Amino acid sequence: NMVAANILDHVPMMNVMPFGMCTSVANPTVAAATAAAFGVLTPM
């Protein structure tokens, strides 16, 4: 009784909602915040 999903349900902010804070330094916002904190990982 729920809407079924297929592999095309991958659209950010429509099908896939945020996971709180991101810890990946590959993410530009995390990298910038980490650099501003003198190398201390800063999730965004």
PDB file of all heavy atoms in Angstrom:
ATOM      1  N   ASN A   1       0.803  -1.230   0.000  1.00  0.00           N
ATOM      2  CA  ASN A   1       0.000   0.000   0.000  1.00  0.00           C
ATOM      3  C   ASN A   1       0.837   1.282   0.000  1.00  0.00           C
ATOM      4  O   ASN A   1       0.361   2.339   0.406  1.00  0.00           O
ATOM      5  CB  ASN A   1      -0.991   0.016   1.171  1.00  0.00           C
ATOM      6  CG  ASN A   1      -2.048  -1.045   1.007  1.00  0.00           C
ATOM      7  OD1 ASN A   1      -2.544  -1.278  -0.094  1.00  0.00           O
ATOM      8  ND2 ASN A   1      -2.389  -1.710   2.095  1.00  0.00           N
ATOM      9  N   MET A   2       2.089   1.181  -0.424  1.00  0.00           N
ATOM     10  CA  MET A   2       2.978   2.340  -0.525  1.00  0.00           C
ATOM     11  C   MET A   2       3.481   2.428  -1.960  1.00  0.00           C
ATOM     12  O   MET A   2       3.579   1.417  -2.660  1.00  0.00           O
ATOM     13  CB  MET A   2       4.167   2.203   0.421  1.00  0.00           C
ATOM     14  CG  MET A   2       3.806   2.061   1.894  1.00  0.00           C
ATOM     15  SD  MET A   2       2.986   3.493   2.556  1.00  0.00           S
ATOM     16  CE  MET A   2       4.376   4.538   2.835  1.00  0.00           C
ATOM     17  N   VAL A   3       3.846   3.650  -2.408  1.00  0.00           N
ATOM     18  CA  VAL A   3       4.375   3.835  -3.757  1.00  0.00           C
ATOM     19  C   VAL A   3       5.676   3.060  -3.892  1.00  0.00           C
ATOM     20  O   VAL A   3       6.591   3.221  -3.087  1.00  0.00           O
ATOM     21  CB  VAL A   3       4.616   5.332  -4.057  1.00  0.00           C
ATOM     22  CG1 VAL A   3       5.258   5.512  -5.424  1.00  0.00           C
ATOM     23  CG2 VAL A   3       3.311   6.106  -3.975  1.00  0.00           C
ATOM     24  N   ALA A   4       5.748   2.205  -4.910  1.00  0.00           N
ATOM     25  CA  ALA A   4       6.950   1.404  -5.158  1.00  0.00           C
ATOM     26  C   ALA A   4       8.022   2.268  -5.834  1.00  0.00           C
ATOM     27  O   ALA A   4       7.717   3.268  -6.484  1.00  0.00           O
ATOM     28  CB  ALA A   4       6.611   0.214  -6.035  1.00  0.00           C
ATOM     29  N   ALA A   5       9.284   1.871  -5.677  1.00  0.00           N
ATOM     30  CA  ALA A   5      10.409   2.629  -6.240  1.00  0.00           C
ATOM     31  C   ALA A   5      11.111   1.839  -7.334  1.00  0.00           C
ATOM     32  O   ALA A   5      11.129   0.605  -7.319  1.00  0.00           O
ATOM     33  CB  ALA A   5      11.410   2.969  -5.136  1.00  0.00           C
ATOM     34  N   ASN A   6      11.692   2.569  -8.302  1.00  0.00           N
ATOM     35  CA  ASN A   6      12.554   1.935  -9.294  1.00  0.00           C
ATOM     36  C   ASN A   6      13.900   2.658  -9.295  1.00  0.00           C
ATOM     37  O   ASN A   6      14.094   3.627  -8.559  1.00  0.00           O
ATOM     38  CB  ASN A   6      11.894   1.878 -10.679  1.00  0.00           C
ATOM     39  CG  ASN A   6      11.682   3.230 -11.332  1.00  0.00           C
ATOM     40  OD1 ASN A   6      12.337   4.215 -11.015  1.00  0.00           O
ATOM     41  ND2 ASN A   6      10.746   3.291 -12.269  1.00  0.00           N
ATOM     42  N   ILE A   7      14.844   2.179 -10.123  1.00  0.00           N
ATOM     43  CA  ILE A   7      16.212   2.713 -10.073  1.00  0.00           C
ATOM     44  C   ILE A   7      16.307   4.173 -10.507  1.00  0.00           C
ATOM     45  O   ILE A   7      17.313   4.825 -10.251  1.00  0.00           O
ATOM     46  CB  ILE A   7      17.205   1.857 -10.883  1.00  0.00           C
ATOM     47  CG1 ILE A   7      16.871   1.886 -12.369  1.00  0.00           C
ATOM     48  CG2 ILE A   7      17.269   0.438 -10.337  1.00  0.00           C
ATOM     49  CD1 ILE A   7      17.970   1.338 -13.253  1.00  0.00           C
ATOM     50  N   LEU A   8      15.264   4.700 -11.134  1.00  0.00           N
ATOM     51  CA  LEU A   8      15.293   6.093 -11.573  1.00  0.00           C
ATOM     52  C   LEU A   8      14.892   7.071 -10.469  1.00  0.00           C
ATOM     53  O   LEU A   8      14.928   8.287 -10.664  1.00  0.00           O
ATOM     54  CB  LEU A   8      14.392   6.272 -12.802  1.00  0.00           C
ATOM     55  CG  LEU A   8      14.782   5.424 -14.015  1.00  0.00           C
ATOM     56  CD1 LEU A   8      13.818   5.649 -15.162  1.00  0.00           C
ATOM     57  CD2 LEU A   8      16.217   5.692 -14.432  1.00  0.00           C
ATOM     58  N   ASP A   9      14.550   6.557  -9.306  1.00  0.00           N
ATOM     59  CA  ASP A   9      14.210   7.404  -8.160  1.00  0.00           C
ATOM     60  C   ASP A   9      15.491   7.810  -7.418  1.00  0.00           C
ATOM     61  O   ASP A   9      15.739   7.400  -6.294  1.00  0.00           O
ATOM     62  CB  ASP A   9      13.243   6.664  -7.219  1.00  0.00           C
ATOM     63  CG  ASP A   9      11.869   6.496  -7.829  1.00  0.00           C
ATOM     64  OD1 ASP A   9      11.418   7.425  -8.531  1.00  0.00           O
ATOM     65  OD2 ASP A   9      11.245   5.444  -7.615  1.00  0.00           O
ATOM     66  N   HIS A  10      16.313   8.626  -8.094  1.00  0.00           N
ATOM     67  CA  HIS A  10      17.613   9.027  -7.533  1.00  0.00           C
ATOM     68  C   HIS A  10      17.809  10.537  -7.518  1.00  0.00           C
ATOM     69  O   HIS A  10      18.898  11.020  -7.184  1.00  0.00           O
ATOM     70  CB  HIS A  10      18.753   8.380  -8.338  1.00  0.00           C
ATOM     71  CG  HIS A  10      18.856   8.909  -9.739  1.00  0.00           C
ATOM     72  ND1 HIS A  10      19.658   9.970 -10.059  1.00  0.00           N
ATOM     73  CD2 HIS A  10      18.241   8.531 -10.879  1.00  0.00           C
ATOM     74  CE1 HIS A  10      19.535  10.221 -11.366  1.00  0.00           C
ATOM     75  NE2 HIS A  10      18.684   9.368 -11.881  1.00  0.00           N
ATOM     76  N   VAL A  11      16.789  11.309  -7.817  1.00  0.00           N
ATOM     77  CA  VAL A  11      16.924  12.753  -7.947  1.00  0.00           C
ATOM     78  C   VAL A  11      17.119  13.415  -6.571  1.00  0.00           C
ATOM     79  O   VAL A  11      16.284  13.243  -5.679  1.00  0.00           O
ATOM     80  CB  VAL A  11      15.693  13.355  -8.663  1.00  0.00           C
ATOM     81  CG1 VAL A  11      15.822  14.856  -8.800  1.00  0.00           C
ATOM     82  CG2 VAL A  11      15.492  12.693 -10.025  1.00  0.00           C
ATOM     83  N   PRO A  12      18.221  14.166  -6.416  1.00  0.00           N
ATOM     84  CA  PRO A  12      18.471  14.829  -5.136  1.00  0.00           C
ATOM     85  C   PRO A  12      17.363  15.817  -4.774  1.00  0.00           C
ATOM     86  O   PRO A  12      16.824  16.499  -5.644  1.00  0.00           O
ATOM     87  CB  PRO A  12      19.787  15.586  -5.367  1.00  0.00           C
ATOM     88  CG  PRO A  12      20.425  14.907  -6.529  1.00  0.00           C
ATOM     89  CD  PRO A  12      19.296  14.404  -7.386  1.00  0.00           C
ATOM     90  N   MET A  13      17.018  15.866  -3.506  1.00  0.00           N
ATOM     91  CA  MET A  13      16.034  16.770  -2.944  1.00  0.00           C
ATOM     92  C   MET A  13      14.610  16.507  -3.447  1.00  0.00           C
ATOM     93  O   MET A  13      13.692  17.218  -3.081  1.00  0.00           O
ATOM     94  CB  MET A  13      16.407  18.243  -3.197  1.00  0.00           C
ATOM     95  CG  MET A  13      17.825  18.595  -2.763  1.00  0.00           C
ATOM     96  SD  MET A  13      18.192  18.167  -1.047  1.00  0.00           S
ATOM     97  CE  MET A  13      17.379  19.484  -0.208  1.00  0.00           C
ATOM     98  N   MET A  14      14.435  15.490  -4.275  1.00  0.00           N
ATOM     99  CA  MET A  14      13.103  15.068  -4.695  1.00  0.00           C
ATOM    100  C   MET A  14      12.870  13.633  -4.221  1.00  0.00           C
ATOM    101  O   MET A  14      11.877  13.354  -3.563  1.00  0.00           O
ATOM    102  CB  MET A  14      12.942  15.155  -6.214  1.00  0.00           C
ATOM    103  CG  MET A  14      11.523  14.850  -6.674  1.00  0.00           C
ATOM    104  SD  MET A  14      11.281  15.225  -8.412  1.00  0.00           S
ATOM    105  CE  MET A  14      11.489  13.599  -9.120  1.00  0.00           C
ATOM    106  N   ASN A  15      13.788  12.725  -4.576  1.00  0.00           N
ATOM    107  CA  ASN A  15      13.707  11.327  -4.148  1.00  0.00           C
ATOM    108  C   ASN A  15      14.657  11.051  -2.985  1.00  0.00           C
ATOM    109  O   ASN A  15      14.354  10.243  -2.111  1.00  0.00           O
ATOM    110  CB  ASN A  15      14.059  10.370  -5.291  1.00  0.00           C
ATOM    111  CG  ASN A  15      13.241  10.569  -6.531  1.00  0.00           C
ATOM    112  OD1 ASN A  15      13.795  10.829  -7.589  1.00  0.00           O
ATOM    113  ND2 ASN A  15      11.926  10.491  -6.427  1.00  0.00           N
ATOM    114  N   VAL A  16      15.821  11.675  -3.021  1.00  0.00           N
ATOM    115  CA  VAL A  16      16.861  11.450  -2.012  1.00  0.00           C
ATOM    116  C   VAL A  16      17.032  12.734  -1.207  1.00  0.00           C
ATOM    117  O   VAL A  16      17.507  13.747  -1.719  1.00  0.00           O
ATOM    118  CB  VAL A  16      18.197  11.041  -2.671  1.00  0.00           C
ATOM    119  CG1 VAL A  16      19.270  10.803  -1.626  1.00  0.00           C
ATOM    120  CG2 VAL A  16      18.000   9.797  -3.527  1.00  0.00           C
ATOM    121  N   MET A  17      16.615  12.672   0.041  1.00  0.00           N
ATOM    122  CA  MET A  17      16.691  13.831   0.933  1.00  0.00           C
ATOM    123  C   MET A  17      18.051  13.865   1.645  1.00  0.00           C
ATOM    124  O   MET A  17      18.769  12.869   1.668  1.00  0.00           O
ATOM    125  CB  MET A  17      15.565  13.767   1.968  1.00  0.00           C
ATOM    126  CG  MET A  17      14.188  13.850   1.359  1.00  0.00           C
ATOM    127  SD  MET A  17      13.961  15.396   0.481  1.00  0.00           S
ATOM    128  CE  MET A  17      13.074  14.859  -0.958  1.00  0.00           C
ATOM    129  N   PRO A  18      18.433  14.992   2.242  1.00  0.00           N
ATOM    130  CA  PRO A  18      19.739  15.119   2.908  1.00  0.00           C
ATOM    131  C   PRO A  18      19.937  14.145   4.067  1.00  0.00           C
ATOM    132  O   PRO A  18      18.978  13.694   4.693  1.00  0.00           O
ATOM    133  CB  PRO A  18      19.724  16.560   3.431  1.00  0.00           C
ATOM    134  CG  PRO A  18      18.763  17.268   2.543  1.00  0.00           C
ATOM    135  CD  PRO A  18      17.699  16.251   2.228  1.00  0.00           C
ATOM    136  N   PHE A  19      21.203  13.855   4.335  1.00  0.00           N
ATOM    137  CA  PHE A  19      21.612  12.948   5.416  1.00  0.00           C
ATOM    138  C   PHE A  19      22.242  13.742   6.559  1.00  0.00           C
ATOM    139  O   PHE A  19      23.330  13.429   7.030  1.00  0.00           O
ATOM    140  CB  PHE A  19      22.600  11.911   4.879  1.00  0.00           C
ATOM    141  CG  PHE A  19      21.995  11.000   3.847  1.00  0.00           C
ATOM    142  CD1 PHE A  19      22.065  11.314   2.502  1.00  0.00           C
ATOM    143  CD2 PHE A  19      21.330   9.854   4.230  1.00  0.00           C
ATOM    144  CE1 PHE A  19      21.482  10.492   1.549  1.00  0.00           C
ATOM    145  CE2 PHE A  19      20.737   9.023   3.289  1.00  0.00           C
ATOM    146  CZ  PHE A  19      20.816   9.344   1.945  1.00  0.00           C
ATOM    147  N   GLY A  20      21.574  14.783   6.973  1.00  0.00           N
ATOM    148  CA  GLY A  20      22.096  15.608   8.072  1.00  0.00           C
ATOM    149  C   GLY A  20      23.300  16.403   7.618  1.00  0.00           C
ATOM    150  O   GLY A  20      23.202  17.251   6.750  1.00  0.00           O
ATOM    151  N   MET A  21      24.447  16.098   8.191  1.00  0.00           N
ATOM    152  CA  MET A  21      25.684  16.789   7.857  1.00  0.00           C
ATOM    153  C   MET A  21      26.577  15.870   7.028  1.00  0.00           C
ATOM    154  O   MET A  21      26.591  14.657   7.236  1.00  0.00           O
ATOM    155  CB  MET A  21      26.414  17.195   9.135  1.00  0.00           C
ATOM    156  CG  MET A  21      25.594  18.090  10.051  1.00  0.00           C
ATOM    157  SD  MET A  21      25.261  19.696   9.348  1.00  0.00           S
ATOM    158  CE  MET A  21      26.717  20.567   9.876  1.00  0.00           C
ATOM    159  N   CYS A  22      27.336  16.461   6.106  1.00  0.00           N
ATOM    160  CA  CYS A  22      28.256  15.715   5.242  1.00  0.00           C
ATOM    161  C   CYS A  22      29.670  15.826   5.807  1.00  0.00           C
ATOM    162  O   CYS A  22      30.089  16.898   6.239  1.00  0.00           O
ATOM    163  CB  CYS A  22      28.210  16.293   3.830  1.00  0.00           C
ATOM    164  SG  CYS A  22      29.308  15.459   2.654  1.00  0.00           S
ATOM    165  N   THR A  23      30.401  14.704   5.771  1.00  0.00           N
ATOM    166  CA  THR A  23      31.779  14.689   6.285  1.00  0.00           C
ATOM    167  C   THR A  23      32.825  14.475   5.193  1.00  0.00           C
ATOM    168  O   THR A  23      34.000  14.292   5.488  1.00  0.00           O
ATOM    169  CB  THR A  23      31.943  13.576   7.344  1.00  0.00           C
ATOM    170  OG1 THR A  23      31.664  12.310   6.732  1.00  0.00           O
ATOM    171  CG2 THR A  23      31.016  13.796   8.529  1.00  0.00           C
ATOM    172  N   SER A  24      32.412  14.513   3.929  1.00  0.00           N
ATOM    173  CA  SER A  24      33.341  14.258   2.829  1.00  0.00           C
ATOM    174  C   SER A  24      34.107  15.518   2.450  1.00  0.00           C
ATOM    175  O   SER A  24      33.508  16.535   2.080  1.00  0.00           O
ATOM    176  CB  SER A  24      32.579  13.751   1.602  1.00  0.00           C
ATOM    177  OG  SER A  24      33.449  13.660   0.498  1.00  0.00           O
ATOM    178  N   VAL A  25      35.433  15.448   2.500  1.00  0.00           N
ATOM    179  CA  VAL A  25      36.235  16.602   2.086  1.00  0.00           C
ATOM    180  C   VAL A  25      36.210  16.797   0.569  1.00  0.00           C
ATOM    181  O   VAL A  25      36.707  17.810   0.076  1.00  0.00           O
ATOM    182  CB  VAL A  25      37.688  16.521   2.618  1.00  0.00           C
ATOM    183  CG1 VAL A  25      37.718  16.691   4.126  1.00  0.00           C
ATOM    184  CG2 VAL A  25      38.364  15.257   2.186  1.00  0.00           C
ATOM    185  N   ALA A  26      35.628  15.863  -0.166  1.00  0.00           N
ATOM    186  CA  ALA A  26      35.423  16.053  -1.600  1.00  0.00           C
ATOM    187  C   ALA A  26      34.281  17.037  -1.851  1.00  0.00           C
ATOM    188  O   ALA A  26      34.178  17.613  -2.933  1.00  0.00           O
ATOM    189  CB  ALA A  26      35.124  14.719  -2.278  1.00  0.00           C
ATOM    190  N   ASN A  27      33.434  17.244  -0.857  1.00  0.00           N
ATOM    191  CA  ASN A  27      32.346  18.215  -0.937  1.00  0.00           C
ATOM    192  C   ASN A  27      32.966  19.600  -0.753  1.00  0.00           C
ATOM    193  O   ASN A  27      33.614  19.864   0.258  1.00  0.00           O
ATOM    194  CB  ASN A  27      31.325  17.912   0.168  1.00  0.00           C
ATOM    195  CG  ASN A  27      30.133  18.838   0.145  1.00  0.00           C
ATOM    196  OD1 ASN A  27      30.207  19.971  -0.290  1.00  0.00           O
ATOM    197  ND2 ASN A  27      29.021  18.326   0.643  1.00  0.00           N
ATOM    198  N   PRO A  28      32.799  20.516  -1.711  1.00  0.00           N
ATOM    199  CA  PRO A  28      33.440  21.832  -1.619  1.00  0.00           C
ATOM    200  C   PRO A  28      33.097  22.614  -0.349  1.00  0.00           C
ATOM    201  O   PRO A  28      33.953  23.318   0.189  1.00  0.00           O
ATOM    202  CB  PRO A  28      32.931  22.574  -2.859  1.00  0.00           C
ATOM    203  CG  PRO A  28      32.511  21.503  -3.798  1.00  0.00           C
ATOM    204  CD  PRO A  28      32.056  20.350  -2.949  1.00  0.00           C
ATOM    205  N   THR A  29      31.879  22.494   0.152  1.00  0.00           N
ATOM    206  CA  THR A  29      31.530  23.236   1.367  1.00  0.00           C
ATOM    207  C   THR A  29      32.252  22.668   2.585  1.00  0.00           C
ATOM    208  O   THR A  29      32.694  23.426   3.458  1.00  0.00           O
ATOM    209  CB  THR A  29      30.010  23.262   1.618  1.00  0.00           C
ATOM    210  OG1 THR A  29      29.528  21.929   1.771  1.00  0.00           O
ATOM    211  CG2 THR A  29      29.280  23.943   0.471  1.00  0.00           C
ATOM    212  N   VAL A  30      32.396  21.347   2.639  1.00  0.00           N
ATOM    213  CA  VAL A  30      33.130  20.709   3.741  1.00  0.00           C
ATOM    214  C   VAL A  30      34.611  21.068   3.638  1.00  0.00           C
ATOM    215  O   VAL A  30      35.254  21.398   4.646  1.00  0.00           O
ATOM    216  CB  VAL A  30      32.930  19.175   3.749  1.00  0.00           C
ATOM    217  CG1 VAL A  30      33.787  18.520   4.828  1.00  0.00           C
ATOM    218  CG2 VAL A  30      31.459  18.825   3.937  1.00  0.00           C
ATOM    219  N   ALA A  31      35.148  21.034   2.419  1.00  0.00           N
ATOM    220  CA  ALA A  31      36.570  21.372   2.219  1.00  0.00           C
ATOM    221  C   ALA A  31      36.850  22.805   2.645  1.00  0.00           C
ATOM    222  O   ALA A  31      37.856  23.078   3.322  1.00  0.00           O
ATOM    223  CB  ALA A  31      36.957  21.154   0.762  1.00  0.00           C
ATOM    224  N   ALA A  32      35.968  23.731   2.284  1.00  0.00           N
ATOM    225  CA  ALA A  32      36.169  25.137   2.643  1.00  0.00           C
ATOM    226  C   ALA A  32      36.084  25.344   4.157  1.00  0.00           C
ATOM    227  O   ALA A  32      36.911  26.049   4.745  1.00  0.00           O
ATOM    228  CB  ALA A  32      35.148  26.014   1.930  1.00  0.00           C
ATOM    229  N   ALA A  33      35.093  24.712   4.787  1.00  0.00           N
ATOM    230  CA  ALA A  33      34.937  24.848   6.241  1.00  0.00           C
ATOM    231  C   ALA A  33      36.116  24.211   6.970  1.00  0.00           C
ATOM    232  O   ALA A  33      36.587  24.743   7.987  1.00  0.00           O
ATOM    233  CB  ALA A  33      33.626  24.218   6.695  1.00  0.00           C
ATOM    234  N   THR A  34      36.609  23.082   6.448  1.00  0.00           N
ATOM    235  CA  THR A  34      37.756  22.398   7.058  1.00  0.00           C
ATOM    236  C   THR A  34      39.018  23.252   6.915  1.00  0.00           C
ATOM    237  O   THR A  34      39.797  23.379   7.860  1.00  0.00           O
ATOM    238  CB  THR A  34      37.941  20.999   6.434  1.00  0.00           C
ATOM    239  OG1 THR A  34      36.762  20.236   6.683  1.00  0.00           O
ATOM    240  CG2 THR A  34      39.142  20.275   6.995  1.00  0.00           C
ATOM    241  N   ALA A  35      39.203  23.865   5.758  1.00  0.00           N
ATOM    242  CA  ALA A  35      40.355  24.746   5.554  1.00  0.00           C
ATOM    243  C   ALA A  35      40.285  25.959   6.485  1.00  0.00           C
ATOM    244  O   ALA A  35      41.293  26.362   7.065  1.00  0.00           O
ATOM    245  CB  ALA A  35      40.430  25.193   4.099  1.00  0.00           C
ATOM    246  N   ALA A  36      39.080  26.496   6.652  1.00  0.00           N
ATOM    247  CA  ALA A  36      38.903  27.654   7.539  1.00  0.00           C
ATOM    248  C   ALA A  36      39.157  27.292   9.001  1.00  0.00           C
ATOM    249  O   ALA A  36      39.515  28.159   9.806  1.00  0.00           O
ATOM    250  CB  ALA A  36      37.505  28.228   7.380  1.00  0.00           C
ATOM    251  N   ALA A  37      38.996  25.998   9.317  1.00  0.00           N
ATOM    252  CA  ALA A  37      39.238  25.526  10.695  1.00  0.00           C
ATOM    253  C   ALA A  37      40.653  24.959  10.832  1.00  0.00           C
ATOM    254  O   ALA A  37      40.908  24.121  11.692  1.00  0.00           O
ATOM    255  CB  ALA A  37      38.199  24.485  11.073  1.00  0.00           C
ATOM    256  N   PHE A  38      41.561  25.392   9.951  1.00  0.00           N
ATOM    257  CA  PHE A  38      42.968  24.973   9.981  1.00  0.00           C
ATOM    258  C   PHE A  38      43.145  23.462   9.911  1.00  0.00           C
ATOM    259  O   PHE A  38      43.967  22.882  10.620  1.00  0.00           O
ATOM    260  CB  PHE A  38      43.680  25.544  11.215  1.00  0.00           C
ATOM    261  CG  PHE A  38      43.627  27.045  11.269  1.00  0.00           C
ATOM    262  CD1 PHE A  38      42.747  27.685  12.123  1.00  0.00           C
ATOM    263  CD2 PHE A  38      44.429  27.810  10.437  1.00  0.00           C
ATOM    264  CE1 PHE A  38      42.679  29.078  12.163  1.00  0.00           C
ATOM    265  CE2 PHE A  38      44.369  29.198  10.469  1.00  0.00           C
ATOM    266  CZ  PHE A  38      43.494  29.838  11.331  1.00  0.00           C
ATOM    267  N   GLY A  39      42.353  22.815   9.059  1.00  0.00           N
ATOM    268  CA  GLY A  39      42.492  21.386   8.814  1.00  0.00           C
ATOM    269  C   GLY A  39      41.663  20.478   9.699  1.00  0.00           C
ATOM    270  O   GLY A  39      41.693  19.260   9.525  1.00  0.00           O
ATOM    271  N   VAL A  40      40.919  21.019  10.622  1.00  0.00           N
ATOM    272  CA  VAL A  40      40.056  20.193  11.474  1.00  0.00           C
ATOM    273  C   VAL A  40      38.769  19.911  10.698  1.00  0.00           C
ATOM    274  O   VAL A  40      38.078  20.852  10.272  1.00  0.00           O
ATOM    275  CB  VAL A  40      39.719  20.907  12.806  1.00  0.00           C
ATOM    276  CG1 VAL A  40      38.743  20.083  13.630  1.00  0.00           C
ATOM    277  CG2 VAL A  40      40.999  21.184  13.583  1.00  0.00           C
ATOM    278  N   LEU A  41      38.455  18.619  10.469  1.00  0.00           N
ATOM    279  CA  LEU A  41      37.263  18.251   9.702  1.00  0.00           C
ATOM    280  C   LEU A  41      36.036  18.951  10.278  1.00  0.00           C
ATOM    281  O   LEU A  41      35.729  18.831  11.462  1.00  0.00           O
ATOM    282  CB  LEU A  41      37.044  16.736   9.708  1.00  0.00           C
ATOM    283  CG  LEU A  41      35.805  16.255   8.953  1.00  0.00           C
ATOM    284  CD1 LEU A  41      35.904  16.591   7.470  1.00  0.00           C
ATOM    285  CD2 LEU A  41      35.599  14.766   9.148  1.00  0.00           C
ATOM    286  N   THR A  42      35.361  19.696   9.409  1.00  0.00           N
ATOM    287  CA  THR A  42      34.186  20.460   9.815  1.00  0.00           C
ATOM    288  C   THR A  42      33.016  20.065   8.926  1.00  0.00           C
ATOM    289  O   THR A  42      32.916  20.517   7.780  1.00  0.00           O
ATOM    290  CB  THR A  42      34.459  21.977   9.695  1.00  0.00           C
ATOM    291  OG1 THR A  42      35.641  22.285  10.440  1.00  0.00           O
ATOM    292  CG2 THR A  42      33.290  22.787  10.222  1.00  0.00           C
ATOM    293  N   PRO A  43      32.121  19.178   9.413  1.00  0.00           N
ATOM    294  CA  PRO A  43      30.968  18.769   8.613  1.00  0.00           C
ATOM    295  C   PRO A  43      30.085  19.967   8.259  1.00  0.00           C
ATOM    296  O   PRO A  43      29.983  20.927   9.025  1.00  0.00           O
ATOM    297  CB  PRO A  43      30.221  17.802   9.528  1.00  0.00           C
ATOM    298  CG  PRO A  43      31.252  17.312  10.486  1.00  0.00           C
ATOM    299  CD  PRO A  43      32.166  18.488  10.699  1.00  0.00           C
ATOM    300  N   MET A  44      29.475  19.890   7.096  1.00  0.00           N
ATOM    301  CA  MET A  44      28.558  20.931   6.620  1.00  0.00           C
ATOM    302  C   MET A  44      27.246  20.263   6.187  1.00  0.00           C
ATOM    303  O   MET A  44      27.212  19.048   5.975  1.00  0.00           O
ATOM    304  CB  MET A  44      29.188  21.687   5.444  1.00  0.00           C
ATOM    305  CG  MET A  44      30.403  22.523   5.839  1.00  0.00           C
ATOM    306  SD  MET A  44      30.044  23.798   7.054  1.00  0.00           S
ATOM    307  CE  MET A  44      29.135  24.951   6.059  1.00  0.00           C
TER     308      MET A  44
END
